[in-house]
Protein backbone atom coordinates (compact mmCIF):
# COMPACT_ATOMS: atom_id res chain seq x y z
CA MET A 1 205.62 -194.40 23.11
CA ASP A 2 204.70 -190.85 24.14
CA ASN A 3 207.29 -189.61 26.66
CA LYS A 4 204.70 -187.51 28.43
CA LYS A 5 202.75 -190.61 29.50
CA ILE A 6 205.73 -192.17 31.32
CA GLU A 7 205.63 -191.42 35.04
CA MET A 8 209.30 -190.68 35.76
CA VAL A 9 209.04 -189.45 39.37
CA LYS A 10 206.50 -190.70 41.89
CA MET A 11 206.78 -189.61 45.53
CA THR A 12 204.08 -190.96 47.85
CA ASP A 13 203.17 -189.82 51.39
CA ILE A 14 206.54 -188.11 52.05
CA SER A 15 206.92 -186.75 55.59
CA LYS A 16 209.78 -184.87 57.23
CA ARG A 17 210.10 -183.14 60.59
CA PHE A 18 212.82 -180.78 61.82
CA GLY A 19 212.61 -180.79 65.60
CA GLY A 20 208.99 -180.11 66.44
CA VAL A 21 208.15 -178.57 63.03
CA ALA A 22 206.56 -180.65 60.25
CA ALA A 23 208.23 -179.50 57.02
CA LEU A 24 206.32 -182.12 54.97
CA ASP A 25 203.13 -183.91 55.97
CA ASN A 26 202.22 -186.88 53.71
CA VAL A 27 203.09 -185.03 50.50
CA SER A 28 202.70 -186.82 47.18
CA PHE A 29 204.19 -185.62 43.88
CA CYS A 30 204.36 -187.07 40.36
CA ALA A 31 206.14 -185.79 37.24
CA ASN A 32 206.36 -187.32 33.77
CA ALA A 33 209.16 -187.81 31.28
CA GLY A 34 209.22 -185.08 28.65
CA GLU A 35 207.31 -182.51 30.72
CA VAL A 36 208.22 -179.37 32.63
CA HIS A 37 206.44 -179.61 35.98
CA ALA A 38 206.27 -176.49 38.15
CA LEU A 39 206.50 -176.88 41.92
CA LEU A 40 205.01 -173.80 43.60
CA GLY A 41 204.27 -172.54 47.08
CA GLU A 42 205.18 -169.76 49.48
CA ASN A 43 208.58 -169.76 51.15
CA GLY A 44 208.40 -172.43 53.82
CA ALA A 45 205.73 -174.44 51.95
CA GLY A 46 208.09 -177.44 51.68
CA LYS A 47 209.22 -177.24 48.03
CA SER A 48 212.97 -177.23 48.72
CA THR A 49 212.66 -179.94 51.41
CA LEU A 50 210.76 -182.21 48.99
CA MET A 51 213.34 -181.74 46.25
CA LYS A 52 216.26 -182.23 48.65
CA ILE A 53 214.71 -185.55 49.66
CA LEU A 54 214.37 -186.52 45.99
CA ALA A 55 218.02 -185.57 45.35
CA GLY A 56 219.29 -187.28 48.51
CA ALA A 57 220.49 -184.11 50.25
CA ILE A 58 218.31 -184.96 53.28
CA GLU A 59 216.57 -188.19 54.35
CA LYS A 60 212.80 -188.54 54.53
CA ASP A 61 211.11 -189.71 57.73
CA ALA A 62 208.42 -191.64 55.87
CA GLY A 63 207.11 -192.29 52.38
CA GLN A 64 208.07 -193.98 49.14
CA ILE A 65 209.98 -192.85 46.01
CA GLU A 66 209.76 -194.45 42.56
CA ILE A 67 211.91 -193.50 39.57
CA ASP A 68 210.81 -194.72 36.15
CA GLY A 69 208.41 -197.22 37.77
CA ARG A 70 210.97 -198.72 40.17
CA GLU A 71 211.00 -198.14 43.93
CA VAL A 72 214.35 -196.68 45.00
CA THR A 73 216.21 -195.78 48.19
CA ILE A 74 217.77 -192.29 48.13
CA ASN A 75 219.54 -191.42 51.37
CA ASN A 76 222.48 -189.42 49.98
CA PRO A 77 223.36 -187.36 46.86
CA LYS A 78 225.34 -190.25 45.32
CA GLN A 79 222.27 -192.47 45.40
CA GLY A 80 220.28 -189.59 43.87
CA GLN A 81 222.77 -189.25 41.01
CA ASP A 82 222.76 -193.02 40.47
CA CYS A 83 218.97 -192.76 40.02
CA GLY A 84 219.49 -190.08 37.35
CA ILE A 85 218.53 -187.04 39.44
CA SER A 86 220.42 -183.74 39.15
CA VAL A 87 219.73 -180.33 40.71
CA ILE A 88 220.64 -176.92 39.29
CA TYR A 89 220.71 -174.73 42.41
CA GLN A 90 220.81 -170.92 42.51
CA GLU A 91 224.32 -171.21 43.97
CA PHE A 92 226.16 -173.33 41.42
CA ALA A 93 228.17 -176.37 42.55
CA LEU A 94 231.12 -175.66 40.25
CA ALA A 95 234.86 -175.83 40.86
CA LYS A 96 235.63 -172.29 39.66
CA HIS A 97 239.41 -172.89 39.26
CA LEU A 98 238.85 -175.86 36.91
CA THR A 99 238.06 -175.64 33.20
CA VAL A 100 234.63 -176.02 31.60
CA ALA A 101 235.51 -179.54 30.38
CA GLU A 102 236.81 -180.60 33.80
CA ASN A 103 233.62 -179.38 35.49
CA ILE A 104 231.31 -181.10 33.01
CA PHE A 105 233.05 -184.47 33.44
CA ILE A 106 234.26 -184.02 37.02
CA ASP A 107 232.77 -187.39 38.06
CA SER A 108 234.92 -189.30 35.56
CA LEU A 109 238.26 -187.48 35.98
CA GLY A 110 239.59 -190.26 38.22
CA GLU A 111 238.82 -193.05 35.76
CA GLY A 112 241.50 -194.70 33.64
CA LYS A 113 244.11 -195.40 36.34
CA GLY A 114 244.74 -191.71 36.97
CA LEU A 115 245.46 -190.83 33.32
CA VAL A 116 243.21 -188.17 31.84
CA LYS A 117 242.89 -188.02 28.05
CA TRP A 118 242.63 -184.23 27.90
CA LYS A 119 242.06 -183.92 24.15
CA LYS A 120 239.22 -186.44 24.24
CA LEU A 121 237.74 -184.76 27.34
CA LYS A 122 237.67 -181.34 25.66
CA GLN A 123 236.12 -182.82 22.50
CA ARG A 124 233.38 -184.55 24.50
CA ALA A 125 232.69 -181.29 26.34
CA LYS A 126 232.56 -179.42 23.03
CA THR A 127 229.99 -181.91 21.70
CA VAL A 128 227.73 -181.54 24.75
CA LEU A 129 227.96 -177.72 24.61
CA GLU A 130 227.12 -177.69 20.88
CA GLU A 131 224.10 -179.94 21.47
CA MET A 132 222.81 -177.34 23.91
CA GLY A 133 223.42 -174.51 21.41
CA PHE A 134 226.45 -173.07 23.23
CA GLY A 135 229.32 -174.11 20.99
CA ASP A 136 230.87 -170.66 21.56
CA ILE A 137 231.89 -171.66 25.12
CA ASP A 138 235.56 -172.69 25.17
CA PRO A 139 235.89 -176.07 27.01
CA SER A 140 239.45 -175.21 28.09
CA LYS A 141 238.46 -171.91 29.73
CA PRO A 142 238.35 -171.70 33.57
CA VAL A 143 234.75 -171.52 34.83
CA SER A 144 235.67 -168.43 36.90
CA GLU A 145 236.02 -166.46 33.64
CA LEU A 146 232.47 -167.23 32.45
CA THR A 147 229.36 -165.10 32.94
CA VAL A 148 226.73 -166.32 35.41
CA ALA A 149 224.52 -167.48 32.52
CA TYR A 150 227.33 -169.53 30.98
CA GLN A 151 228.18 -171.03 34.38
CA GLN A 152 224.56 -172.19 34.51
CA VAL A 153 224.98 -173.79 31.07
CA VAL A 154 228.02 -175.69 32.41
CA GLU A 155 225.92 -176.93 35.34
CA ILE A 156 223.25 -178.18 32.94
CA CYS A 157 225.84 -179.87 30.71
CA LYS A 158 227.33 -181.55 33.80
CA ALA A 159 223.88 -182.96 34.59
CA ILE A 160 223.44 -184.16 31.00
CA SER A 161 226.84 -185.89 31.10
CA ARG A 162 225.51 -187.91 34.05
CA ASP A 163 222.57 -189.07 31.87
CA ALA A 164 220.10 -187.27 34.12
CA LYS A 165 216.53 -188.51 33.77
CA VAL A 166 215.23 -185.88 36.20
CA LEU A 167 216.52 -182.30 36.24
CA ILE A 168 215.45 -179.95 39.05
CA PHE A 169 215.76 -176.19 38.43
CA ASP A 170 215.63 -174.06 41.61
CA GLU A 171 214.93 -170.38 40.75
CA PRO A 172 217.07 -170.68 37.58
CA THR A 173 216.41 -167.16 36.22
CA ALA A 174 217.07 -165.18 39.44
CA VAL A 175 220.47 -163.91 38.22
CA LEU A 176 219.88 -163.90 34.43
CA THR A 177 219.17 -161.08 31.98
CA LEU A 178 216.13 -161.27 29.69
CA LYS A 179 218.27 -162.47 26.78
CA GLU A 180 219.87 -165.15 28.94
CA VAL A 181 216.44 -166.30 30.15
CA GLU A 182 215.42 -166.86 26.52
CA LYS A 183 218.50 -169.06 25.99
CA LEU A 184 217.71 -171.03 29.14
CA PHE A 185 214.16 -171.66 27.89
CA ASP A 186 215.59 -172.92 24.59
CA ILE A 187 217.72 -175.43 26.54
CA ILE A 188 214.74 -176.53 28.63
CA ASN A 189 212.67 -177.11 25.49
CA LYS A 190 215.47 -179.24 23.99
CA LEU A 191 215.69 -181.31 27.16
CA ARG A 192 211.91 -181.75 27.25
CA ASN A 193 211.94 -182.97 23.64
CA LYS A 194 214.61 -185.53 24.60
CA GLY A 195 212.29 -186.94 27.26
CA VAL A 196 213.99 -185.47 30.33
CA CYS A 197 211.66 -184.89 33.30
CA ILE A 198 212.12 -181.28 34.43
CA ILE A 199 210.92 -179.98 37.80
CA TYR A 200 210.84 -176.17 37.79
CA ILE A 201 210.75 -174.07 40.99
CA SER A 202 210.19 -170.34 40.47
CA HIS A 203 208.31 -167.43 42.02
CA ARG A 204 207.95 -165.74 38.62
CA LEU A 205 204.49 -166.76 37.50
CA GLU A 206 204.96 -165.42 33.97
CA GLU A 207 207.70 -168.04 33.50
CA ILE A 208 205.40 -170.83 34.69
CA PHE A 209 202.85 -170.01 31.99
CA ARG A 210 205.61 -169.67 29.40
CA ILE A 211 207.55 -172.89 29.96
CA CYS A 212 205.60 -175.38 32.15
CA ASP A 213 203.04 -178.11 31.36
CA ARG A 214 201.68 -178.86 34.84
CA ILE A 215 201.74 -177.30 38.30
CA THR A 216 201.81 -178.80 41.79
CA ILE A 217 201.18 -176.37 44.68
CA LEU A 218 202.22 -176.96 48.31
CA LYS A 219 201.18 -174.96 51.37
CA ASP A 220 202.45 -175.43 54.93
CA GLY A 221 204.06 -178.77 54.03
CA LYS A 222 200.89 -180.26 52.50
CA ASN A 223 199.50 -180.86 49.01
CA VAL A 224 197.04 -178.26 47.75
CA THR A 225 196.47 -179.20 44.10
CA THR A 226 198.01 -180.42 40.83
CA MET A 227 196.68 -179.06 37.53
CA ASP A 228 197.50 -178.37 33.89
CA VAL A 229 198.88 -174.90 33.19
CA LYS A 230 196.34 -174.41 30.39
CA ASP A 231 193.48 -174.87 32.86
CA THR A 232 194.40 -172.06 35.28
CA ASP A 233 195.46 -168.42 35.57
CA GLU A 234 197.71 -166.28 37.82
CA LYS A 235 194.91 -165.22 40.15
CA SER A 236 193.88 -168.83 40.84
CA ILE A 237 197.48 -169.91 41.48
CA VAL A 238 198.05 -167.07 43.95
CA THR A 239 194.80 -167.92 45.77
CA TYR A 240 195.89 -171.57 46.10
CA MET A 241 199.38 -170.55 47.29
CA ILE A 242 198.42 -168.09 50.02
CA GLY A 243 195.08 -169.65 50.97
CA ARG A 244 193.08 -166.49 50.41
CA ASP A 245 191.90 -164.30 47.55
CA LEU A 246 194.51 -161.72 46.63
CA SER A 247 192.20 -158.85 45.78
CA GLU A 248 195.00 -156.31 45.72
CA PHE A 249 198.55 -157.36 44.98
CA PHE A 250 199.99 -153.93 45.78
CA PRO A 251 198.31 -152.68 48.98
CA GLU A 252 197.15 -149.08 49.16
CA ARG A 253 199.49 -146.59 50.80
CA HIS A 254 198.18 -143.58 52.70
CA ALA A 255 201.48 -141.83 53.29
CA LYS A 256 201.69 -138.09 53.26
CA ILE A 257 204.73 -137.03 51.26
CA GLY A 258 206.66 -134.41 53.21
CA ASP A 259 209.98 -132.56 53.08
CA VAL A 260 213.20 -133.71 51.43
CA VAL A 261 215.05 -136.18 53.67
CA LEU A 262 217.89 -137.35 51.41
CA LYS A 263 219.56 -135.19 48.78
CA VAL A 264 222.42 -136.42 46.59
CA GLU A 265 224.54 -133.94 44.60
CA ASN A 266 227.02 -134.73 41.82
CA LEU A 267 227.81 -138.27 43.04
CA ASN A 268 230.60 -140.04 41.12
CA CYS A 269 232.00 -143.53 41.75
CA GLY A 270 233.86 -145.33 38.96
CA SER A 271 232.41 -145.86 35.49
CA MET A 272 228.94 -146.93 36.72
CA VAL A 273 228.05 -143.83 38.80
CA LYS A 274 228.38 -140.55 36.88
CA ASN A 275 227.08 -137.17 38.08
CA ILE A 276 224.10 -138.52 39.99
CA ASN A 277 221.69 -135.91 41.38
CA PHE A 278 218.36 -136.67 43.06
CA GLU A 279 216.31 -136.23 46.22
CA VAL A 280 213.73 -138.32 48.08
CA ARG A 281 211.11 -137.05 50.51
CA ALA A 282 209.60 -138.30 53.77
CA GLY A 283 206.80 -140.80 53.05
CA GLU A 284 207.86 -141.23 49.42
CA VAL A 285 208.77 -144.48 47.64
CA LEU A 286 211.28 -143.52 44.94
CA GLY A 287 211.77 -146.30 42.40
CA PHE A 288 215.05 -146.85 40.58
CA ALA A 289 214.62 -148.70 37.28
CA GLY A 290 216.99 -149.60 34.46
CA LEU A 291 218.56 -152.59 32.76
CA VAL A 292 221.00 -154.91 34.54
CA GLY A 293 224.36 -153.13 34.63
CA SER A 294 222.86 -149.62 34.41
CA GLY A 295 224.48 -148.54 37.70
CA ARG A 296 221.55 -148.65 40.12
CA THR A 297 223.16 -150.87 42.77
CA GLU A 298 226.52 -149.14 42.39
CA THR A 299 224.85 -145.77 43.05
CA MET A 300 223.25 -147.03 46.26
CA ARG A 301 226.46 -148.70 47.45
CA ALA A 302 228.27 -145.36 47.01
CA ILE A 303 225.55 -143.54 49.00
CA PHE A 304 225.72 -146.19 51.74
CA GLY A 305 229.53 -146.00 51.91
CA ALA A 306 230.05 -149.62 50.80
CA ASP A 307 232.06 -148.33 47.80
CA LYS A 308 234.38 -145.35 47.96
CA LYS A 309 232.98 -142.39 46.04
CA GLU A 310 235.22 -140.06 44.04
CA LYS A 311 233.15 -136.96 44.74
CA GLY A 312 229.67 -135.86 45.66
CA LEU A 313 227.66 -134.50 48.58
CA ILE A 314 225.02 -136.28 50.66
CA TYR A 315 222.49 -134.30 52.72
CA ILE A 316 220.14 -135.68 55.39
CA ASN A 317 217.39 -133.25 56.41
CA GLY A 318 219.47 -130.41 54.97
CA ASP A 319 222.71 -131.27 56.79
CA THR A 320 225.81 -132.52 54.97
CA PHE A 321 227.15 -135.91 56.04
CA LYS A 322 230.52 -137.44 55.23
CA ILE A 323 229.76 -141.07 54.47
CA ASN A 324 232.89 -143.12 53.88
CA SER A 325 231.64 -146.43 55.29
CA PRO A 326 228.37 -148.25 56.10
CA LYS A 327 228.98 -147.32 59.75
CA ASP A 328 228.86 -143.62 58.77
CA ALA A 329 225.65 -144.27 56.81
CA VAL A 330 223.94 -145.96 59.76
CA LYS A 331 224.94 -143.03 62.03
CA ALA A 332 223.42 -140.66 59.48
CA GLY A 333 220.16 -142.64 59.52
CA ILE A 334 220.53 -144.58 56.26
CA GLY A 335 219.82 -148.31 56.07
CA MET A 336 220.24 -150.63 53.09
CA LEU A 337 218.69 -154.00 52.33
CA PRO A 338 221.22 -155.43 49.82
CA GLU A 339 220.48 -157.37 46.65
CA ASP A 340 222.40 -160.47 47.82
CA ARG A 341 220.85 -161.28 51.20
CA LYS A 342 222.86 -164.50 51.71
CA GLN A 343 226.26 -162.79 51.27
CA GLN A 344 225.51 -159.27 52.54
CA GLY A 345 222.09 -159.17 54.22
CA VAL A 346 222.18 -161.78 56.98
CA LEU A 347 224.70 -163.76 59.02
CA LEU A 348 223.37 -167.19 58.10
CA GLU A 349 225.09 -169.12 60.89
CA MET A 350 224.06 -166.65 63.61
CA PRO A 351 220.71 -166.61 65.48
CA ILE A 352 217.81 -164.49 64.27
CA ARG A 353 218.10 -162.43 67.48
CA ILE A 354 221.72 -161.40 66.77
CA ASN A 355 220.87 -160.56 63.14
CA GLY A 356 217.97 -158.40 64.32
CA THR A 357 219.94 -156.18 66.69
CA LEU A 358 223.28 -156.16 64.86
CA SER A 359 223.14 -152.53 63.75
CA THR A 360 221.76 -151.18 67.07
CA LEU A 361 223.64 -153.05 69.80
CA GLN A 362 224.33 -149.79 71.64
CA GLU A 363 220.56 -149.37 72.08
CA PHE A 364 220.45 -152.63 74.04
CA SER A 365 223.60 -152.03 76.11
CA SER A 366 223.89 -150.35 79.50
CA LYS A 367 226.29 -147.42 79.79
CA PRO A 368 229.16 -147.02 80.49
CA PHE A 369 230.03 -150.74 80.69
CA GLY A 370 228.24 -151.99 77.56
CA ILE A 371 226.47 -154.92 79.26
CA LEU A 372 223.76 -156.32 76.99
CA LYS A 373 220.18 -155.96 78.22
CA HIS A 374 218.96 -159.38 77.12
CA LYS A 375 215.31 -158.96 78.11
CA LYS A 376 215.00 -155.70 76.16
CA GLU A 377 216.71 -157.29 73.14
CA ILE A 378 214.51 -160.41 73.25
CA ASN A 379 211.31 -158.33 73.49
CA ALA A 380 212.36 -156.10 70.56
CA VAL A 381 213.16 -159.07 68.31
CA ASN A 382 209.93 -160.89 69.26
CA GLU A 383 207.99 -157.76 68.31
CA MET A 384 209.75 -157.68 64.91
CA ILE A 385 209.03 -161.39 64.36
CA ARG A 386 205.35 -160.60 65.00
CA ILE A 387 205.24 -157.50 62.76
CA LEU A 388 207.09 -159.20 59.89
CA THR A 389 205.35 -162.59 60.41
CA VAL A 390 208.69 -164.44 60.38
CA LYS A 391 207.97 -168.18 60.37
CA THR A 392 210.26 -169.52 63.09
CA PRO A 393 209.64 -171.40 66.35
CA ASN A 394 212.41 -169.50 68.16
CA GLN A 395 214.43 -166.30 67.76
CA ASN A 396 217.57 -168.25 68.72
CA ASN A 397 217.32 -170.42 65.59
CA LYS A 398 220.02 -169.77 62.97
CA ALA A 399 219.04 -167.58 60.02
CA SER A 400 220.14 -170.45 57.73
CA SER A 401 217.21 -172.53 59.06
CA LEU A 402 214.71 -170.13 57.46
CA SER A 403 213.26 -170.06 53.97
CA GLY A 404 214.48 -167.37 51.54
CA GLY A 405 211.51 -165.09 52.16
CA ASN A 406 211.93 -165.29 55.94
CA GLN A 407 215.68 -164.61 55.61
CA GLN A 408 214.75 -161.44 53.71
CA LYS A 409 212.47 -160.42 56.59
CA VAL A 410 215.32 -160.97 59.08
CA ALA A 411 217.60 -158.83 56.88
CA LEU A 412 214.94 -156.11 57.06
CA MET A 413 214.44 -156.55 60.82
CA LYS A 414 217.65 -154.78 61.88
CA TRP A 415 216.72 -151.65 59.91
CA LEU A 416 213.24 -151.51 61.44
CA ILE A 417 214.77 -151.73 64.92
CA SER A 418 217.34 -149.01 64.07
CA LYS A 419 214.56 -146.61 62.96
CA CYS A 420 216.25 -145.28 59.81
CA LYS A 421 215.31 -142.00 58.18
CA VAL A 422 216.17 -143.39 54.73
CA LEU A 423 215.86 -147.04 53.77
CA ILE A 424 217.24 -148.43 50.50
CA PHE A 425 215.65 -151.65 49.21
CA ASP A 426 217.76 -153.34 46.50
CA GLU A 427 215.58 -156.00 44.78
CA PRO A 428 213.49 -156.46 47.98
CA THR A 429 211.41 -159.40 46.70
CA ARG A 430 213.92 -161.33 44.56
CA GLY A 431 213.41 -165.06 45.14
CA VAL A 432 210.49 -164.36 47.47
CA ASP A 433 207.05 -165.99 47.13
CA VAL A 434 203.83 -164.13 46.36
CA GLY A 435 202.54 -164.04 49.95
CA ALA A 436 205.88 -162.80 51.34
CA LYS A 437 206.01 -160.14 48.60
CA VAL A 438 202.71 -158.67 49.76
CA GLU A 439 203.92 -158.68 53.38
CA ILE A 440 207.12 -156.83 52.38
CA TYR A 441 205.06 -154.30 50.40
CA LYS A 442 202.90 -153.71 53.48
CA VAL A 443 206.01 -153.10 55.60
CA MET A 444 207.32 -150.62 53.00
CA ASN A 445 203.99 -148.80 53.01
CA SER A 446 203.92 -148.74 56.82
CA LEU A 447 207.44 -147.26 56.92
CA ALA A 448 206.46 -144.61 54.35
CA GLU A 449 203.40 -143.73 56.45
CA GLN A 450 205.76 -143.23 59.43
CA GLY A 451 207.72 -140.67 57.38
CA VAL A 452 210.64 -142.86 56.27
CA ALA A 453 212.06 -141.96 52.84
CA ILE A 454 212.27 -145.16 50.77
CA ILE A 455 214.39 -145.92 47.71
CA MET A 456 213.53 -149.13 45.86
CA ILE A 457 215.65 -150.73 43.14
CA SER A 458 213.69 -153.37 41.24
CA SER A 459 214.04 -155.23 37.94
CA GLU A 460 210.38 -156.28 38.07
CA MET A 461 208.29 -153.79 36.11
CA PRO A 462 204.98 -154.54 37.89
CA GLU A 463 206.72 -153.92 41.24
CA VAL A 464 208.17 -150.58 40.11
CA ILE A 465 204.82 -149.48 38.69
CA GLY A 466 202.76 -150.76 41.63
CA MET A 467 204.91 -149.42 44.47
CA SER A 468 206.58 -146.19 43.30
CA ASP A 469 205.41 -142.60 43.74
CA ARG A 470 208.12 -141.51 41.32
CA VAL A 471 210.73 -143.40 39.26
CA LEU A 472 214.26 -142.49 38.20
CA VAL A 473 215.57 -144.56 35.28
CA MET A 474 219.32 -145.22 34.96
CA ARG A 475 221.27 -145.98 31.82
CA ASN A 476 225.05 -146.42 31.46
CA GLY A 477 225.75 -145.06 34.96
CA GLU A 478 223.64 -141.92 34.54
CA ILE A 479 220.06 -140.91 35.31
CA ALA A 480 218.32 -141.08 31.94
CA GLY A 481 215.09 -139.51 33.12
CA GLU A 482 212.33 -139.21 35.71
CA VAL A 483 208.79 -140.57 35.45
CA THR A 484 206.09 -139.18 37.75
CA LYS A 485 203.11 -141.05 39.24
CA GLY A 486 200.57 -140.67 36.43
CA ASN A 487 203.09 -141.62 33.72
CA ILE A 488 204.74 -144.71 35.28
CA THR A 489 204.10 -147.23 32.51
CA GLU A 490 206.15 -150.15 31.25
CA GLN A 491 206.58 -148.45 27.87
CA ASN A 492 207.92 -145.21 29.36
CA LEU A 493 210.34 -147.06 31.63
CA ILE A 494 211.64 -149.30 28.82
CA ASN A 495 212.08 -146.31 26.48
CA LEU A 496 214.26 -144.49 29.01
CA SER A 497 216.16 -147.68 29.93
CA MET A 498 217.08 -148.28 26.29
CA GLY A 499 217.63 -144.68 25.24
CA VAL A 500 214.57 -144.58 22.96
CA SER A 501 213.16 -141.08 22.56
């Protein structure tokens, strides 16, 4: 029998409300054995909620779930696992202090009256790893010593050891290099050929066309369409996702580039930041490109005072500033939207309001007693929610209640309120849907038009090309070259990134 004709997952009329907000409204979803089925939609469309219901992480309010033709009840993760469902999240659920073998078979460590047959366990782990094409991973090595890509392999092997019929990938390539992405796709193809049903969530449309068979699109918690990948194109998908024709992915900018705002001279910080010299002007978007590990983020962290620099001078509007901490940077008028928003960009368990005014509390406090002016603060945050179109019913909701794209907007909010002269964006649209990307681009353009000097680190070539006035390319901790507006092409950027003359 053809695996692809077996309906492995069938979810019918699934509904879920959080307070007064309908996260899912009678959503139906089907995926077959032996296919890779993409689940797409803007942040907040309901993708994660639907998959959490399937995995048992949250309970549905209404609807029916069938696995392999049989109606099932899934009210907790254990019931989800018993039905053969496993999820590979962006943040891996691994016990870092345990070995590879222990993580892969963690569910069965307590079997056998407390006695673990270590030799047999390692051999079984070795067999699973070899089947996936990763026999070079040592089963006795602690997971903490593995690269991110290899940790992902361990997660997948753990799912396979549970005889997973359904494997859900949530933004699996967000932290992988191009070479590692290719290895992941090889694993996915092997799993597809074995008849595993794979549900693939990603904002990278090029991956969808590369690896997926069918697509289901959600918008505002409702079904939009399901179609074969071969019958559509990127433009159509984007139109379905955002509900309007995306005539221009990168909006026009009408900024007038002015005088130098930030100048960096002879900046050195460890092995990844060596003799960095550059300047960025008012109204300019300066792109920083380069391969992963080229030193881009490390350079910006040194400028922002997050890492201690060994030497170097930083000028703002011609004046020298000693920046030894992020507090010094904020005083100098520098803001930074970090690459890892969950760890460094937002306080997830704090309200949106507190996140929004965190860097400018003195602006909302009366002097000399420091009493907070709540009305002024509330009005400022409400204005930012409007400008950034943050999808939230209330500014007192926790940041953790928001989708990834809206969390990124909240991370940006505090820098808009603080009115920075220089704003550093490190991977501003990583893990963000197409509609939210365009909104972030519009905010960047608006800031540039107000005279803010913008630095943008991005690993996405179209983003670098579409948004930058000028690009500096880094390689091995040094600036390998500069590319000006008319010459910003993928070929030129790759050549400099790889040292090709």
